[in-house]
Amino acid sequence: MAKKFSIEVMEKWCKGCGLCVSICPKKVLELNDHVKCEGVRQDDCIGCRQCENICPDLAITVKEREQ
């Protein structure tokens, strides 16, 4: 069974730069109406952590979900 992941975004820390949105290979993230990052398709996340690594504000955490 494939692992599932969840993305937590500290909205207060996110400045809406869009780096995470552009680097995500599965297009899991989008900028919301407040120009903040949001995980809109969390079930598609493959846990590559590229968004977490590229975030200059350390606002994103990727965690493995329990099945």
PDB file of N, CA and C in Angstrom:
ATOM      1  N   MET A   1       0.842  -1.186   0.000  1.00  0.00           N
ATOM      2  CA  MET A   1       0.000   0.000   0.000  1.00  0.00           C
ATOM      3  C   MET A   1       0.888   1.251   0.000  1.00  0.00           C
ATOM      4  N   ALA A   2       0.545   2.205  -0.830  1.00  0.00           N
ATOM      5  CA  ALA A   2       1.335   3.435  -0.944  1.00  0.00           C
ATOM      6  C   ALA A   2       1.197   4.291   0.306  1.00  0.00           C
ATOM      7  N   LYS A   3       2.277   4.953   0.658  1.00  0.00           N
ATOM      8  CA  LYS A   3       2.254   5.855   1.808  1.00  0.00           C
ATOM      9  C   LYS A   3       1.459   7.104   1.466  1.00  0.00           C
ATOM     10  N   LYS A   4       0.849   7.678   2.481  1.00  0.00           N
ATOM     11  CA  LYS A   4       0.082   8.917   2.330  1.00  0.00           C
ATOM     12  C   LYS A   4       0.778  10.007   3.136  1.00  0.00           C
ATOM     13  N   PHE A   5       0.716  11.225   2.630  1.00  0.00           N
ATOM     14  CA  PHE A   5       1.386  12.343   3.277  1.00  0.00           C
ATOM     15  C   PHE A   5       0.419  13.503   3.459  1.00  0.00           C
ATOM     16  N   SER A   6       0.714  14.339   4.431  1.00  0.00           N
ATOM     17  CA  SER A   6      -0.059  15.559   4.633  1.00  0.00           C
ATOM     18  C   SER A   6       0.910  16.737   4.671  1.00  0.00           C
ATOM     19  N   ILE A   7       0.423  17.853   4.214  1.00  0.00           N
ATOM     20  CA  ILE A   7       1.228  19.070   4.156  1.00  0.00           C
ATOM     21  C   ILE A   7       0.627  20.078   5.115  1.00  0.00           C
ATOM     22  N   GLU A   8       1.440  20.543   6.041  1.00  0.00           N
ATOM     23  CA  GLU A   8       1.002  21.568   6.983  1.00  0.00           C
ATOM     24  C   GLU A   8       1.685  22.879   6.607  1.00  0.00           C
ATOM     25  N   VAL A   9       0.901  23.935   6.502  1.00  0.00           N
ATOM     26  CA  VAL A   9       1.435  25.252   6.153  1.00  0.00           C
ATOM     27  C   VAL A   9       1.145  26.213   7.296  1.00  0.00           C
ATOM     28  N   MET A  10       2.189  26.834   7.813  1.00  0.00           N
ATOM     29  CA  MET A  10       2.035  27.883   8.823  1.00  0.00           C
ATOM     30  C   MET A  10       1.703  29.165   8.058  1.00  0.00           C
ATOM     31  N   GLU A  11       0.410  29.466   7.970  1.00  0.00           N
ATOM     32  CA  GLU A  11      -0.043  30.590   7.149  1.00  0.00           C
ATOM     33  C   GLU A  11       0.572  31.917   7.585  1.00  0.00           C
ATOM     34  N   LYS A  12       0.815  32.077   8.877  1.00  0.00           N
ATOM     35  CA  LYS A  12       1.417  33.326   9.370  1.00  0.00           C
ATOM     36  C   LYS A  12       2.825  33.520   8.815  1.00  0.00           C
ATOM     37  N   TRP A  13       3.521  32.424   8.555  1.00  0.00           N
ATOM     38  CA  TRP A  13       4.905  32.511   8.074  1.00  0.00           C
ATOM     39  C   TRP A  13       4.986  32.630   6.558  1.00  0.00           C
ATOM     40  N   CYS A  14       3.978  32.141   5.860  1.00  0.00           N
ATOM     41  CA  CYS A  14       3.995  32.118   4.395  1.00  0.00           C
ATOM     42  C   CYS A  14       3.835  33.532   3.842  1.00  0.00           C
ATOM     43  N   LYS A  15       4.743  33.897   2.923  1.00  0.00           N
ATOM     44  CA  LYS A  15       4.646  35.219   2.300  1.00  0.00           C
ATOM     45  C   LYS A  15       4.090  35.150   0.885  1.00  0.00           C
ATOM     46  N   GLY A  16       3.707  33.944   0.448  1.00  0.00           N
ATOM     47  CA  GLY A  16       3.068  33.803  -0.861  1.00  0.00           C
ATOM     48  C   GLY A  16       4.003  33.946  -2.030  1.00  0.00           C
ATOM     49  N   CYS A  17       5.238  33.524  -1.883  1.00  0.00           N
ATOM     50  CA  CYS A  17       6.220  33.674  -2.969  1.00  0.00           C
ATOM     51  C   CYS A  17       5.941  32.733  -4.141  1.00  0.00           C
ATOM     52  N   GLY A  18       5.262  31.611  -3.875  1.00  0.00           N
ATOM     53  CA  GLY A  18       4.890  30.681  -4.940  1.00  0.00           C
ATOM     54  C   GLY A  18       5.953  29.680  -5.338  1.00  0.00           C
ATOM     55  N   LEU A  19       7.097  29.683  -4.666  1.00  0.00           N
ATOM     56  CA  LEU A  19       8.155  28.727  -5.006  1.00  0.00           C
ATOM     57  C   LEU A  19       7.674  27.287  -4.831  1.00  0.00           C
ATOM     58  N   CYS A  20       6.970  27.029  -3.756  1.00  0.00           N
ATOM     59  CA  CYS A  20       6.474  25.675  -3.474  1.00  0.00           C
ATOM     60  C   CYS A  20       5.464  25.232  -4.533  1.00  0.00           C
ATOM     61  N   VAL A  21       4.627  26.153  -4.961  1.00  0.00           N
ATOM     62  CA  VAL A  21       3.610  25.846  -5.967  1.00  0.00           C
ATOM     63  C   VAL A  21       4.284  25.451  -7.272  1.00  0.00           C
ATOM     64  N   SER A  22       5.317  26.183  -7.642  1.00  0.00           N
ATOM     65  CA  SER A  22       5.974  25.927  -8.923  1.00  0.00           C
ATOM     66  C   SER A  22       6.830  24.670  -8.923  1.00  0.00           C
ATOM     67  N   ILE A  23       7.338  24.247  -7.769  1.00  0.00           N
ATOM     68  CA  ILE A  23       8.243  23.097  -7.731  1.00  0.00           C
ATOM     69  C   ILE A  23       7.525  21.769  -7.514  1.00  0.00           C
ATOM     70  N   CYS A  24       6.306  21.782  -7.033  1.00  0.00           N
ATOM     71  CA  CYS A  24       5.587  20.539  -6.710  1.00  0.00           C
ATOM     72  C   CYS A  24       5.307  19.722  -7.977  1.00  0.00           C
ATOM     73  N   PRO A  25       5.839  18.492  -8.049  1.00  0.00           N
ATOM     74  CA  PRO A  25       5.642  17.679  -9.253  1.00  0.00           C
ATOM     75  C   PRO A  25       4.212  17.174  -9.429  1.00  0.00           C
ATOM     76  N   LYS A  26       3.424  17.160  -8.368  1.00  0.00           N
ATOM     77  CA  LYS A  26       2.052  16.660  -8.433  1.00  0.00           C
ATOM     78  C   LYS A  26       1.011  17.771  -8.348  1.00  0.00           C
ATOM     79  N   LYS A  27       1.459  19.020  -8.332  1.00  0.00           N
ATOM     80  CA  LYS A  27       0.557  20.187  -8.280  1.00  0.00           C
ATOM     81  C   LYS A  27      -0.408  20.111  -7.095  1.00  0.00           C
ATOM     82  N   VAL A  28       0.142  19.742  -5.943  1.00  0.00           N
ATOM     83  CA  VAL A  28      -0.638  19.612  -4.716  1.00  0.00           C
ATOM     84  C   VAL A  28      -0.961  20.977  -4.113  1.00  0.00           C
ATOM     85  N   LEU A  29      -0.069  21.937  -4.308  1.00  0.00           N
ATOM     86  CA  LEU A  29      -0.194  23.246  -3.667  1.00  0.00           C
ATOM     87  C   LEU A  29      -0.716  24.311  -4.615  1.00  0.00           C
ATOM     88  N   GLU A  30      -1.446  25.254  -4.043  1.00  0.00           N
ATOM     89  CA  GLU A  30      -1.918  26.443  -4.768  1.00  0.00           C
ATOM     90  C   GLU A  30      -1.879  27.618  -3.813  1.00  0.00           C
ATOM     91  N   LEU A  31      -1.870  28.816  -4.362  1.00  0.00           N
ATOM     92  CA  LEU A  31      -1.998  30.012  -3.543  1.00  0.00           C
ATOM     93  C   LEU A  31      -3.488  30.310  -3.404  1.00  0.00           C
ATOM     94  N   ASN A  32      -3.930  30.549  -2.171  1.00  0.00           N
ATOM     95  CA  ASN A  32      -5.348  30.821  -1.930  1.00  0.00           C
ATOM     96  C   ASN A  32      -5.673  32.300  -2.152  1.00  0.00           C
ATOM     97  N   ASP A  33      -6.874  32.702  -1.807  1.00  0.00           N
ATOM     98  CA  ASP A  33      -7.319  34.085  -2.018  1.00  0.00           C
ATOM     99  C   ASP A  33      -6.520  35.099  -1.208  1.00  0.00           C
ATOM    100  N   HIS A  34      -5.871  34.633  -0.140  1.00  0.00           N
ATOM    101  CA  HIS A  34      -5.061  35.512   0.701  1.00  0.00           C
ATOM    102  C   HIS A  34      -3.592  35.482   0.285  1.00  0.00           C
ATOM    103  N   VAL A  35      -3.323  34.884  -0.881  1.00  0.00           N
ATOM    104  CA  VAL A  35      -1.978  34.707  -1.430  1.00  0.00           C
ATOM    105  C   VAL A  35      -1.078  33.980  -0.430  1.00  0.00           C
ATOM    106  N   LYS A  36      -1.608  32.909   0.098  1.00  0.00           N
ATOM    107  CA  LYS A  36      -0.879  32.029   0.999  1.00  0.00           C
ATOM    108  C   LYS A  36      -0.944  30.617   0.434  1.00  0.00           C
ATOM    109  N   CYS A  37       0.106  29.855   0.645  1.00  0.00           N
ATOM    110  CA  CYS A  37       0.175  28.485   0.166  1.00  0.00           C
ATOM    111  C   CYS A  37      -0.867  27.622   0.873  1.00  0.00           C
ATOM    112  N   GLU A  38      -1.445  26.696   0.104  1.00  0.00           N
ATOM    113  CA  GLU A  38      -2.455  25.806   0.664  1.00  0.00           C
ATOM    114  C   GLU A  38      -2.370  24.455  -0.048  1.00  0.00           C
ATOM    115  N   GLY A  39      -2.421  23.373   0.707  1.00  0.00           N
ATOM    116  CA  GLY A  39      -2.427  22.029   0.131  1.00  0.00           C
ATOM    117  C   GLY A  39      -3.832  21.657  -0.289  1.00  0.00           C
ATOM    118  N   VAL A  40      -4.127  21.767  -1.572  1.00  0.00           N
ATOM    119  CA  VAL A  40      -5.492  21.552  -2.049  1.00  0.00           C
ATOM    120  C   VAL A  40      -5.736  20.126  -2.536  1.00  0.00           C
ATOM    121  N   ARG A  41      -4.675  19.397  -2.865  1.00  0.00           N
ATOM    122  CA  ARG A  41      -4.816  18.010  -3.312  1.00  0.00           C
ATOM    123  C   ARG A  41      -3.865  17.120  -2.507  1.00  0.00           C
ATOM    124  N   GLN A  42      -4.074  17.070  -1.213  1.00  0.00           N
ATOM    125  CA  GLN A  42      -3.158  16.374  -0.310  1.00  0.00           C
ATOM    126  C   GLN A  42      -3.034  14.886  -0.626  1.00  0.00           C
ATOM    127  N   ASP A  43      -4.081  14.271  -1.121  1.00  0.00           N
ATOM    128  CA  ASP A  43      -4.019  12.849  -1.435  1.00  0.00           C
ATOM    129  C   ASP A  43      -3.065  12.543  -2.597  1.00  0.00           C
ATOM    130  N   ASP A  44      -2.721  13.562  -3.379  1.00  0.00           N
ATOM    131  CA  ASP A  44      -1.787  13.379  -4.492  1.00  0.00           C
ATOM    132  C   ASP A  44      -0.331  13.523  -4.073  1.00  0.00           C
ATOM    133  N   CYS A  45      -0.083  13.978  -2.852  1.00  0.00           N
ATOM    134  CA  CYS A  45       1.277  14.217  -2.368  1.00  0.00           C
ATOM    135  C   CYS A  45       2.068  12.910  -2.317  1.00  0.00           C
ATOM    136  N   ILE A  46       3.281  12.922  -2.887  1.00  0.00           N
ATOM    137  CA  ILE A  46       4.139  11.727  -2.891  1.00  0.00           C
ATOM    138  C   ILE A  46       5.234  11.805  -1.831  1.00  0.00           C
ATOM    139  N   GLY A  47       5.250  12.887  -1.062  1.00  0.00           N
ATOM    140  CA  GLY A  47       6.206  13.016   0.039  1.00  0.00           C
ATOM    141  C   GLY A  47       7.624  13.327  -0.395  1.00  0.00           C
ATOM    142  N   CYS A  48       7.803  13.988  -1.520  1.00  0.00           N
ATOM    143  CA  CYS A  48       9.156  14.299  -2.010  1.00  0.00           C
ATOM    144  C   CYS A  48       9.822  15.411  -1.193  1.00  0.00           C
ATOM    145  N   ARG A  49       9.032  16.180  -0.497  1.00  0.00           N
ATOM    146  CA  ARG A  49       9.487  17.261   0.382  1.00  0.00           C
ATOM    147  C   ARG A  49      10.191  18.415  -0.356  1.00  0.00           C
ATOM    148  N   GLN A  50       9.999  18.514  -1.653  1.00  0.00           N
ATOM    149  CA  GLN A  50      10.596  19.623  -2.392  1.00  0.00           C
ATOM    150  C   GLN A  50      10.028  20.963  -1.927  1.00  0.00           C
ATOM    151  N   CYS A  51       8.739  20.999  -1.622  1.00  0.00           N
ATOM    152  CA  CYS A  51       8.111  22.233  -1.152  1.00  0.00           C
ATOM    153  C   CYS A  51       8.696  22.642   0.199  1.00  0.00           C
ATOM    154  N   GLU A  52       8.871  21.665   1.072  1.00  0.00           N
ATOM    155  CA  GLU A  52       9.433  21.916   2.396  1.00  0.00           C
ATOM    156  C   GLU A  52      10.870  22.446   2.287  1.00  0.00           C
ATOM    157  N   ASN A  53      11.639  21.881   1.383  1.00  0.00           N
ATOM    158  CA  ASN A  53      13.041  22.270   1.224  1.00  0.00           C
ATOM    159  C   ASN A  53      13.228  23.632   0.562  1.00  0.00           C
ATOM    160  N   ILE A  54      12.315  24.006  -0.339  1.00  0.00           N
ATOM    161  CA  ILE A  54      12.493  25.263  -1.065  1.00  0.00           C
ATOM    162  C   ILE A  54      11.901  26.473  -0.339  1.00  0.00           C
ATOM    163  N   CYS A  55      11.049  26.241   0.638  1.00  0.00           N
ATOM    164  CA  CYS A  55      10.371  27.345   1.329  1.00  0.00           C
ATOM    165  C   CYS A  55      11.381  28.199   2.103  1.00  0.00           C
ATOM    166  N   PRO A  56      11.546  29.464   1.717  1.00  0.00           N
ATOM    167  CA  PRO A  56      12.512  30.326   2.404  1.00  0.00           C
ATOM    168  C   PRO A  56      12.076  30.729   3.810  1.00  0.00           C
ATOM    169  N   ASP A  57      10.794  30.537   4.121  1.00  0.00           N
ATOM    170  CA  ASP A  57      10.260  30.938   5.417  1.00  0.00           C
ATOM    171  C   ASP A  57      10.035  29.761   6.367  1.00  0.00           C
ATOM    172  N   LEU A  58      10.399  28.551   5.926  1.00  0.00           N
ATOM    173  CA  LEU A  58      10.221  27.335   6.731  1.00  0.00           C
ATOM    174  C   LEU A  58       8.762  27.165   7.164  1.00  0.00           C
ATOM    175  N   ALA A  59       7.847  27.552   6.281  1.00  0.00           N
ATOM    176  CA  ALA A  59       6.423  27.537   6.607  1.00  0.00           C
ATOM    177  C   ALA A  59       5.738  26.216   6.292  1.00  0.00           C
ATOM    178  N   ILE A  60       6.448  25.289   5.622  1.00  0.00           N
ATOM    179  CA  ILE A  60       5.826  24.039   5.166  1.00  0.00           C
ATOM    180  C   ILE A  60       6.461  22.845   5.854  1.00  0.00           C
ATOM    181  N   THR A  61       5.617  21.934   6.318  1.00  0.00           N
ATOM    182  CA  THR A  61       6.067  20.674   6.895  1.00  0.00           C
ATOM    183  C   THR A  61       5.307  19.549   6.224  1.00  0.00           C
ATOM    184  N   VAL A  62       6.044  18.557   5.730  1.00  0.00           N
ATOM    185  CA  VAL A  62       5.431  17.375   5.125  1.00  0.00           C
ATOM    186  C   VAL A  62       5.564  16.229   6.113  1.00  0.00           C
ATOM    187  N   LYS A  63       4.444  15.578   6.405  1.00  0.00           N
ATOM    188  CA  LYS A  63       4.436  14.474   7.363  1.00  0.00           C
ATOM    189  C   LYS A  63       3.760  13.265   6.761  1.00  0.00           C
ATOM    190  N   GLU A  64       4.258  12.092   7.146  1.00  0.00           N
ATOM    191  CA  GLU A  64       3.603  10.864   6.717  1.00  0.00           C
ATOM    192  C   GLU A  64       2.362  10.636   7.556  1.00  0.00           C
ATOM    193  N   ARG A  65       1.270  10.307   6.885  1.00  0.00           N
ATOM    194  CA  ARG A  65       0.010  10.021   7.572  1.00  0.00           C
ATOM    195  C   ARG A  65      -0.052   8.551   7.941  1.00  0.00           C
ATOM    196  N   GLU A  66      -0.741   8.260   9.023  1.00  0.00           N
ATOM    197  CA  GLU A  66      -0.976   6.860   9.377  1.00  0.00           C
ATOM    198  C   GLU A  66      -2.078   6.319   8.481  1.00  0.00           C
ATOM    199  N   GLN A  67      -1.932   5.104   8.070  1.00  0.00           N
ATOM    200  CA  GLN A  67      -2.869   4.478   7.141  1.00  0.00           C
ATOM    201  C   GLN A  67      -4.180   4.171   7.797  1.00  0.00           C
TER     202      GLN A  67
END
